[in-house]
N, C-alpha and C. Protein backbone atom coordinates (compact mmCIF):
# COMPACT_ATOMS: atom_id res chain seq x y z
N THR A 1 -22.40 -27.49 4.93
CA THR A 1 -21.69 -26.26 5.28
C THR A 1 -21.31 -25.53 3.99
N PRO A 2 -21.06 -24.23 4.09
CA PRO A 2 -20.69 -23.49 2.89
C PRO A 2 -19.34 -23.93 2.33
N TRP A 3 -18.47 -24.52 3.15
CA TRP A 3 -17.14 -24.92 2.69
C TRP A 3 -17.21 -26.12 1.76
N LEU A 4 -18.26 -26.89 1.84
CA LEU A 4 -18.38 -28.09 1.02
C LEU A 4 -18.41 -27.76 -0.46
N ASP A 5 -18.97 -26.62 -0.82
CA ASP A 5 -19.02 -26.22 -2.23
C ASP A 5 -17.63 -25.97 -2.80
N LEU A 6 -16.64 -25.75 -1.95
CA LEU A 6 -15.31 -25.41 -2.40
C LEU A 6 -14.40 -26.63 -2.49
N MET A 7 -14.92 -27.78 -2.12
CA MET A 7 -14.10 -28.98 -2.09
C MET A 7 -13.64 -29.36 -3.50
N VAL A 8 -12.37 -29.66 -3.61
CA VAL A 8 -11.78 -30.09 -4.87
C VAL A 8 -11.22 -31.49 -4.65
N GLU A 9 -11.56 -32.41 -5.54
CA GLU A 9 -11.06 -33.77 -5.40
C GLU A 9 -9.61 -33.83 -5.82
N THR A 10 -8.79 -34.52 -5.00
CA THR A 10 -7.38 -34.68 -5.31
C THR A 10 -6.97 -36.12 -5.03
N ALA A 11 -5.95 -36.54 -5.71
CA ALA A 11 -5.33 -37.83 -5.43
C ALA A 11 -4.26 -37.59 -4.37
N PRO A 12 -3.88 -38.63 -3.62
CA PRO A 12 -2.86 -38.45 -2.58
C PRO A 12 -1.55 -37.87 -3.10
N THR A 13 -1.26 -38.05 -4.37
CA THR A 13 -0.01 -37.51 -4.93
C THR A 13 -0.16 -36.10 -5.47
N ASP A 14 -1.35 -35.50 -5.36
CA ASP A 14 -1.60 -34.17 -5.91
C ASP A 14 -1.25 -33.04 -4.96
N TYR A 15 -0.87 -33.34 -3.75
CA TYR A 15 -0.59 -32.27 -2.82
C TYR A 15 0.54 -32.65 -1.88
N TYR A 16 1.13 -31.63 -1.27
CA TYR A 16 2.20 -31.80 -0.30
C TYR A 16 1.77 -31.09 0.97
N ILE A 17 2.15 -31.63 2.10
CA ILE A 17 1.82 -31.00 3.38
C ILE A 17 3.12 -30.49 3.98
N ARG A 18 3.12 -29.22 4.32
CA ARG A 18 4.26 -28.60 4.98
C ARG A 18 3.75 -27.96 6.27
N THR A 19 4.43 -28.23 7.36
CA THR A 19 4.04 -27.65 8.65
C THR A 19 4.88 -26.40 8.88
N LYS A 20 4.20 -25.32 9.22
CA LYS A 20 4.93 -24.08 9.48
C LYS A 20 4.89 -23.77 10.97
N LYS A 21 5.91 -23.07 11.43
CA LYS A 21 6.00 -22.74 12.84
C LYS A 21 6.06 -21.23 13.07
N ARG A 22 5.96 -20.48 12.00
CA ARG A 22 5.99 -19.03 12.08
C ARG A 22 4.82 -18.46 11.30
N LEU A 23 4.71 -17.14 11.24
CA LEU A 23 3.60 -16.50 10.54
C LEU A 23 3.60 -16.81 9.05
N SER A 24 4.76 -16.86 8.44
CA SER A 24 4.84 -17.09 7.00
C SER A 24 5.00 -18.58 6.69
N GLY A 25 4.34 -19.00 5.62
CA GLY A 25 4.51 -20.37 5.16
C GLY A 25 5.88 -20.62 4.55
N PHE A 26 6.63 -19.55 4.29
CA PHE A 26 7.94 -19.68 3.67
C PHE A 26 9.08 -19.76 4.68
N TYR A 27 8.84 -19.35 5.92
CA TYR A 27 9.93 -19.26 6.89
C TYR A 27 9.64 -20.09 8.12
N PRO A 28 10.53 -20.90 8.58
CA PRO A 28 11.69 -21.48 7.90
C PRO A 28 11.31 -22.86 7.35
N THR A 29 10.84 -22.91 6.15
CA THR A 29 10.42 -24.16 5.52
C THR A 29 11.11 -24.32 4.17
N ASP A 30 10.88 -25.44 3.54
CA ASP A 30 11.42 -25.67 2.20
C ASP A 30 10.37 -25.39 1.12
N LEU A 31 9.37 -24.59 1.46
CA LEU A 31 8.27 -24.32 0.53
C LEU A 31 8.75 -23.69 -0.77
N GLU A 32 9.61 -22.69 -0.68
CA GLU A 32 10.10 -22.04 -1.91
C GLU A 32 10.83 -23.04 -2.80
N PHE A 33 11.69 -23.85 -2.21
CA PHE A 33 12.42 -24.88 -2.96
C PHE A 33 11.45 -25.84 -3.64
N LEU A 34 10.44 -26.29 -2.91
CA LEU A 34 9.45 -27.21 -3.46
C LEU A 34 8.68 -26.58 -4.61
N LEU A 35 8.20 -25.36 -4.42
CA LEU A 35 7.42 -24.68 -5.47
C LEU A 35 8.24 -24.45 -6.73
N HIS A 36 9.48 -24.04 -6.57
CA HIS A 36 10.33 -23.83 -7.75
C HIS A 36 10.60 -25.15 -8.48
N ASN A 37 10.82 -26.22 -7.72
CA ASN A 37 11.07 -27.52 -8.35
C ASN A 37 9.84 -28.09 -9.04
N LEU A 38 8.66 -27.65 -8.62
CA LEU A 38 7.42 -28.07 -9.27
C LEU A 38 7.01 -27.09 -10.38
N ASP A 39 7.85 -26.10 -10.65
CA ASP A 39 7.58 -25.07 -11.66
C ASP A 39 6.28 -24.31 -11.39
N VAL A 40 6.05 -24.02 -10.13
CA VAL A 40 4.86 -23.26 -9.72
C VAL A 40 5.15 -21.77 -9.83
N ASP A 41 4.25 -21.05 -10.48
CA ASP A 41 4.38 -19.60 -10.60
C ASP A 41 3.36 -18.86 -9.74
N ASN A 42 2.22 -19.48 -9.50
CA ASN A 42 1.12 -18.85 -8.77
C ASN A 42 0.88 -19.58 -7.46
N VAL A 43 0.62 -18.82 -6.40
CA VAL A 43 0.23 -19.43 -5.14
C VAL A 43 -1.12 -18.87 -4.73
N VAL A 44 -2.00 -19.75 -4.30
CA VAL A 44 -3.31 -19.37 -3.81
C VAL A 44 -3.28 -19.56 -2.30
N LEU A 45 -3.47 -18.48 -1.58
CA LEU A 45 -3.37 -18.51 -0.12
C LEU A 45 -4.76 -18.50 0.50
N THR A 46 -4.99 -19.43 1.41
CA THR A 46 -6.26 -19.51 2.13
C THR A 46 -5.94 -19.72 3.60
N GLY A 47 -6.94 -19.59 4.44
CA GLY A 47 -6.75 -19.90 5.84
C GLY A 47 -7.24 -18.82 6.77
N THR A 48 -6.89 -19.01 8.02
CA THR A 48 -7.32 -18.07 9.05
C THR A 48 -6.21 -17.07 9.34
N PHE A 49 -6.58 -16.04 10.05
CA PHE A 49 -5.69 -14.94 10.37
C PHE A 49 -5.13 -14.28 9.11
N THR A 50 -6.05 -13.80 8.29
CA THR A 50 -5.69 -13.07 7.07
C THR A 50 -4.71 -11.95 7.40
N ASP A 51 -4.93 -11.30 8.53
CA ASP A 51 -4.13 -10.15 8.92
C ASP A 51 -2.79 -10.54 9.53
N ALA A 52 -2.50 -11.81 9.66
CA ALA A 52 -1.21 -12.25 10.19
C ALA A 52 -0.57 -13.26 9.24
N CYS A 53 -1.01 -14.50 9.31
CA CYS A 53 -0.37 -15.58 8.54
C CYS A 53 -0.54 -15.43 7.04
N VAL A 54 -1.75 -15.17 6.58
CA VAL A 54 -1.97 -15.04 5.13
C VAL A 54 -1.21 -13.83 4.60
N LEU A 55 -1.28 -12.71 5.29
CA LEU A 55 -0.58 -11.50 4.86
C LEU A 55 0.93 -11.71 4.85
N SER A 56 1.46 -12.31 5.90
CA SER A 56 2.90 -12.56 5.97
C SER A 56 3.37 -13.49 4.85
N THR A 57 2.60 -14.53 4.60
CA THR A 57 2.95 -15.46 3.52
C THR A 57 2.81 -14.77 2.16
N ALA A 58 1.83 -13.89 2.02
CA ALA A 58 1.66 -13.14 0.77
C ALA A 58 2.88 -12.25 0.50
N PHE A 59 3.36 -11.56 1.54
CA PHE A 59 4.57 -10.74 1.38
C PHE A 59 5.74 -11.60 0.93
N ASP A 60 5.96 -12.72 1.63
CA ASP A 60 7.09 -13.58 1.30
C ASP A 60 6.96 -14.18 -0.10
N ALA A 61 5.77 -14.56 -0.49
CA ALA A 61 5.55 -15.13 -1.83
C ALA A 61 5.83 -14.07 -2.90
N ALA A 62 5.30 -12.88 -2.72
CA ALA A 62 5.52 -11.80 -3.69
C ALA A 62 7.00 -11.43 -3.77
N ASN A 63 7.68 -11.40 -2.63
CA ASN A 63 9.12 -11.09 -2.63
C ASN A 63 9.95 -12.17 -3.28
N ARG A 64 9.38 -13.34 -3.45
CA ARG A 64 10.06 -14.45 -4.12
C ARG A 64 9.56 -14.62 -5.56
N ASP A 65 8.87 -13.61 -6.04
CA ASP A 65 8.39 -13.56 -7.43
C ASP A 65 7.31 -14.58 -7.78
N PHE A 66 6.54 -15.01 -6.79
CA PHE A 66 5.35 -15.81 -7.07
C PHE A 66 4.17 -14.86 -7.25
N ARG A 67 3.25 -15.22 -8.11
CA ARG A 67 2.02 -14.44 -8.23
C ARG A 67 1.07 -14.90 -7.13
N VAL A 68 0.59 -13.95 -6.36
CA VAL A 68 -0.23 -14.24 -5.19
C VAL A 68 -1.71 -14.06 -5.52
N ILE A 69 -2.51 -15.04 -5.13
CA ILE A 69 -3.96 -14.97 -5.28
C ILE A 69 -4.58 -15.34 -3.94
N VAL A 70 -5.48 -14.49 -3.45
CA VAL A 70 -6.16 -14.75 -2.19
C VAL A 70 -7.66 -14.72 -2.42
N PRO A 71 -8.33 -15.86 -2.29
CA PRO A 71 -9.80 -15.88 -2.40
C PRO A 71 -10.41 -15.30 -1.11
N ARG A 72 -11.05 -14.15 -1.25
CA ARG A 72 -11.52 -13.41 -0.07
C ARG A 72 -12.57 -14.16 0.74
N ASP A 73 -13.30 -15.07 0.10
CA ASP A 73 -14.37 -15.76 0.82
C ASP A 73 -13.91 -17.04 1.51
N ILE A 74 -12.63 -17.36 1.44
CA ILE A 74 -12.14 -18.52 2.19
C ILE A 74 -10.90 -18.18 3.01
N VAL A 75 -10.87 -16.94 3.48
CA VAL A 75 -9.91 -16.51 4.49
C VAL A 75 -10.69 -15.83 5.60
N ALA A 76 -10.08 -15.76 6.76
CA ALA A 76 -10.75 -15.11 7.89
C ALA A 76 -9.72 -14.37 8.73
N GLY A 77 -10.04 -13.16 9.09
CA GLY A 77 -9.15 -12.36 9.91
C GLY A 77 -9.54 -12.39 11.37
N TYR A 78 -8.70 -11.78 12.20
CA TYR A 78 -8.98 -11.68 13.62
C TYR A 78 -10.28 -10.92 13.86
N SER A 79 -10.49 -9.91 13.04
CA SER A 79 -11.74 -9.15 13.08
C SER A 79 -12.07 -8.75 11.65
N GLU A 80 -13.28 -8.28 11.44
CA GLU A 80 -13.68 -7.85 10.10
C GLU A 80 -12.80 -6.71 9.61
N GLU A 81 -12.48 -5.78 10.51
CA GLU A 81 -11.65 -4.64 10.14
C GLU A 81 -10.23 -5.08 9.78
N ALA A 82 -9.67 -5.98 10.59
CA ALA A 82 -8.31 -6.46 10.33
C ALA A 82 -8.25 -7.24 9.02
N GLU A 83 -9.26 -8.06 8.77
CA GLU A 83 -9.31 -8.81 7.52
C GLU A 83 -9.39 -7.87 6.32
N HIS A 84 -10.26 -6.87 6.42
CA HIS A 84 -10.41 -5.90 5.33
C HIS A 84 -9.09 -5.18 5.06
N ALA A 85 -8.41 -4.76 6.12
CA ALA A 85 -7.13 -4.06 5.96
C ALA A 85 -6.09 -4.96 5.29
N ALA A 86 -6.02 -6.21 5.71
CA ALA A 86 -5.04 -7.15 5.13
C ALA A 86 -5.34 -7.39 3.65
N LEU A 87 -6.61 -7.60 3.32
CA LEU A 87 -6.97 -7.83 1.92
C LEU A 87 -6.70 -6.59 1.07
N LEU A 88 -6.87 -5.41 1.66
CA LEU A 88 -6.56 -4.18 0.94
C LEU A 88 -5.07 -4.09 0.63
N VAL A 89 -4.23 -4.39 1.61
CA VAL A 89 -2.78 -4.38 1.39
C VAL A 89 -2.40 -5.38 0.31
N ILE A 90 -2.97 -6.58 0.39
CA ILE A 90 -2.66 -7.61 -0.61
C ILE A 90 -3.07 -7.13 -2.00
N SER A 91 -4.28 -6.60 -2.12
CA SER A 91 -4.77 -6.19 -3.45
C SER A 91 -4.01 -4.99 -4.01
N LEU A 92 -3.55 -4.11 -3.15
CA LEU A 92 -2.82 -2.92 -3.62
C LEU A 92 -1.36 -3.20 -3.95
N HIS A 93 -0.74 -4.15 -3.24
CA HIS A 93 0.71 -4.28 -3.34
C HIS A 93 1.24 -5.68 -3.66
N LEU A 94 0.45 -6.71 -3.41
CA LEU A 94 1.04 -8.05 -3.44
C LEU A 94 0.45 -9.01 -4.46
N GLY A 95 -0.83 -8.85 -4.79
CA GLY A 95 -1.43 -9.81 -5.69
C GLY A 95 -2.90 -9.55 -5.92
N LEU A 96 -3.60 -10.61 -6.28
CA LEU A 96 -5.03 -10.52 -6.58
C LEU A 96 -5.86 -11.00 -5.41
N VAL A 97 -6.93 -10.28 -5.12
CA VAL A 97 -7.93 -10.73 -4.16
C VAL A 97 -9.18 -11.00 -4.97
N VAL A 98 -9.65 -12.24 -4.95
CA VAL A 98 -10.75 -12.67 -5.81
C VAL A 98 -11.78 -13.45 -5.01
N ASP A 99 -12.92 -13.73 -5.64
CA ASP A 99 -13.89 -14.67 -5.07
C ASP A 99 -13.48 -16.07 -5.50
N SER A 100 -13.76 -17.06 -4.66
CA SER A 100 -13.32 -18.42 -4.96
C SER A 100 -14.08 -19.06 -6.12
N SER A 101 -15.35 -18.75 -6.29
CA SER A 101 -16.14 -19.41 -7.35
C SER A 101 -15.57 -19.20 -8.75
N PRO A 102 -15.29 -17.96 -9.17
CA PRO A 102 -14.70 -17.77 -10.50
C PRO A 102 -13.32 -18.42 -10.62
N LEU A 103 -12.57 -18.41 -9.53
CA LEU A 103 -11.25 -19.04 -9.55
C LEU A 103 -11.38 -20.54 -9.80
N LEU A 104 -12.29 -21.19 -9.08
CA LEU A 104 -12.50 -22.63 -9.28
C LEU A 104 -13.05 -22.93 -10.67
N GLU A 105 -13.93 -22.08 -11.17
CA GLU A 105 -14.47 -22.28 -12.52
C GLU A 105 -13.35 -22.19 -13.56
N THR A 106 -12.43 -21.26 -13.37
CA THR A 106 -11.31 -21.13 -14.29
C THR A 106 -10.43 -22.37 -14.24
N TRP A 107 -10.13 -22.86 -13.04
CA TRP A 107 -9.33 -24.08 -12.92
C TRP A 107 -10.00 -25.25 -13.61
N ARG A 108 -11.28 -25.40 -13.35
CA ARG A 108 -12.01 -26.53 -13.95
C ARG A 108 -12.03 -26.42 -15.47
N ALA A 109 -12.18 -25.22 -15.99
CA ALA A 109 -12.19 -25.03 -17.45
C ALA A 109 -10.82 -25.38 -18.04
N GLN A 110 -9.76 -25.04 -17.34
CA GLN A 110 -8.42 -25.36 -17.84
C GLN A 110 -8.13 -26.85 -17.76
N LEU A 111 -8.71 -27.53 -16.78
CA LEU A 111 -8.48 -28.96 -16.61
C LEU A 111 -9.39 -29.81 -17.48
N ALA A 112 -10.47 -29.25 -18.00
CA ALA A 112 -11.47 -30.03 -18.75
C ALA A 112 -10.86 -30.88 -19.85
N PRO A 113 -9.95 -30.37 -20.68
CA PRO A 113 -9.39 -31.22 -21.74
C PRO A 113 -8.58 -32.40 -21.20
N GLU A 114 -8.08 -32.28 -19.96
CA GLU A 114 -7.26 -33.34 -19.39
C GLU A 114 -8.08 -34.42 -18.71
N ILE A 115 -9.36 -34.17 -18.50
CA ILE A 115 -10.20 -35.12 -17.77
C ILE A 115 -10.52 -36.30 -18.67
N GLN A 116 -10.16 -37.47 -18.21
CA GLN A 116 -10.46 -38.69 -18.95
C GLN A 116 -11.36 -39.55 -18.06
N LEU A 117 -12.54 -39.85 -18.52
CA LEU A 117 -13.47 -40.67 -17.76
C LEU A 117 -13.25 -42.14 -18.11
N ALA A 118 -13.41 -42.99 -17.11
CA ALA A 118 -13.33 -44.42 -17.35
C ALA A 118 -14.44 -44.82 -18.31
N PRO A 119 -14.20 -45.80 -19.20
CA PRO A 119 -15.22 -46.20 -20.19
C PRO A 119 -16.55 -46.57 -19.56
N GLU A 120 -16.53 -47.25 -18.41
CA GLU A 120 -17.80 -47.64 -17.79
C GLU A 120 -18.60 -46.42 -17.31
N ILE A 121 -17.89 -45.35 -16.96
CA ILE A 121 -18.58 -44.12 -16.57
C ILE A 121 -19.13 -43.43 -17.81
N GLN A 122 -18.33 -43.37 -18.86
CA GLN A 122 -18.77 -42.73 -20.10
C GLN A 122 -20.03 -43.40 -20.65
N MET A 123 -20.08 -44.73 -20.59
CA MET A 123 -21.23 -45.45 -21.14
C MET A 123 -22.48 -45.19 -20.32
N GLY A 124 -22.32 -44.91 -19.02
CA GLY A 124 -23.48 -44.72 -18.16
C GLY A 124 -24.02 -43.31 -18.16
N ILE A 125 -23.38 -42.42 -18.88
CA ILE A 125 -23.80 -41.02 -18.88
C ILE A 125 -24.49 -40.69 -20.20
N GLU A 126 -25.65 -40.18 -20.12
CA GLU A 126 -26.35 -39.74 -21.33
C GLU A 126 -25.93 -38.31 -21.64
N ALA A 127 -25.62 -38.05 -22.88
CA ALA A 127 -25.14 -36.73 -23.28
C ALA A 127 -26.11 -35.63 -22.91
N LYS A 128 -27.41 -35.89 -23.02
CA LYS A 128 -28.37 -34.82 -22.74
C LYS A 128 -28.47 -34.49 -21.26
N SER A 129 -28.03 -35.39 -20.38
CA SER A 129 -28.16 -35.12 -18.96
C SER A 129 -26.90 -34.51 -18.36
N LEU A 130 -25.88 -34.32 -19.18
CA LEU A 130 -24.61 -33.82 -18.67
C LEU A 130 -24.10 -32.69 -19.55
N ALA A 131 -23.85 -31.55 -18.95
CA ALA A 131 -23.41 -30.39 -19.72
C ALA A 131 -21.90 -30.37 -19.92
N SER A 132 -21.14 -30.92 -18.97
CA SER A 132 -19.69 -30.85 -19.08
C SER A 132 -19.03 -31.97 -18.29
N PRO A 133 -17.76 -32.29 -18.60
CA PRO A 133 -17.05 -33.31 -17.85
C PRO A 133 -16.89 -32.94 -16.38
N GLN A 134 -16.81 -31.63 -16.09
CA GLN A 134 -16.65 -31.19 -14.71
C GLN A 134 -17.82 -31.63 -13.85
N GLU A 135 -19.01 -31.67 -14.42
CA GLU A 135 -20.18 -32.05 -13.64
C GLU A 135 -20.09 -33.50 -13.18
N VAL A 136 -19.42 -34.33 -13.94
CA VAL A 136 -19.23 -35.71 -13.50
C VAL A 136 -18.41 -35.73 -12.23
N LEU A 137 -17.36 -34.93 -12.21
CA LEU A 137 -16.52 -34.87 -11.02
C LEU A 137 -17.28 -34.28 -9.85
N MET A 138 -18.11 -33.29 -10.11
CA MET A 138 -18.87 -32.65 -9.04
C MET A 138 -19.92 -33.58 -8.47
N ARG A 139 -20.48 -34.45 -9.30
CA ARG A 139 -21.52 -35.36 -8.83
C ARG A 139 -20.94 -36.53 -8.06
N GLY A 140 -19.66 -36.78 -8.26
CA GLY A 140 -19.01 -37.85 -7.52
C GLY A 140 -19.05 -39.17 -8.14
C-alpha cells in the first residue's frame, strides 16, 4: 500500500496514545500538558477529516503557540473540495502544509548522527553497498 512507504520505526517508549472525544485533539485532553512537558514545539497533524478534526486541532495547536505542520498526502477530507479548503486555511493562517516525503527526509537527516548500529550489524554491512545509516533502518 502507499502508506507503507511512510512507516517510521519506533520503540514502545517513543510515543504516547491519547484518545480524543471531540473534534480537537486538545479538548478535553491533557495533550497540551504532555507536549509542553516533553518540550515539544512542533506538531505534525495527520488523519482523516482534514476539514473537521485536523483543522480543529490545527487551530487549537496554533492558539497554544505550537508550530503546526500538516503533510497533505497523509490527510483526507470529507470531500476533495472540503480537504482543499481546510488545507488552504491551515496554510494561510495556522502553519505549514507540506508533502510527507521531504518532511521524513528532514527528520531522518537530523537523526542520522544519533543512529548507533549494533557492532554485529556494522560488521555485516559493506560500505560500498550502503549510502547512509538511514538505509539500514529502511531495509529492516
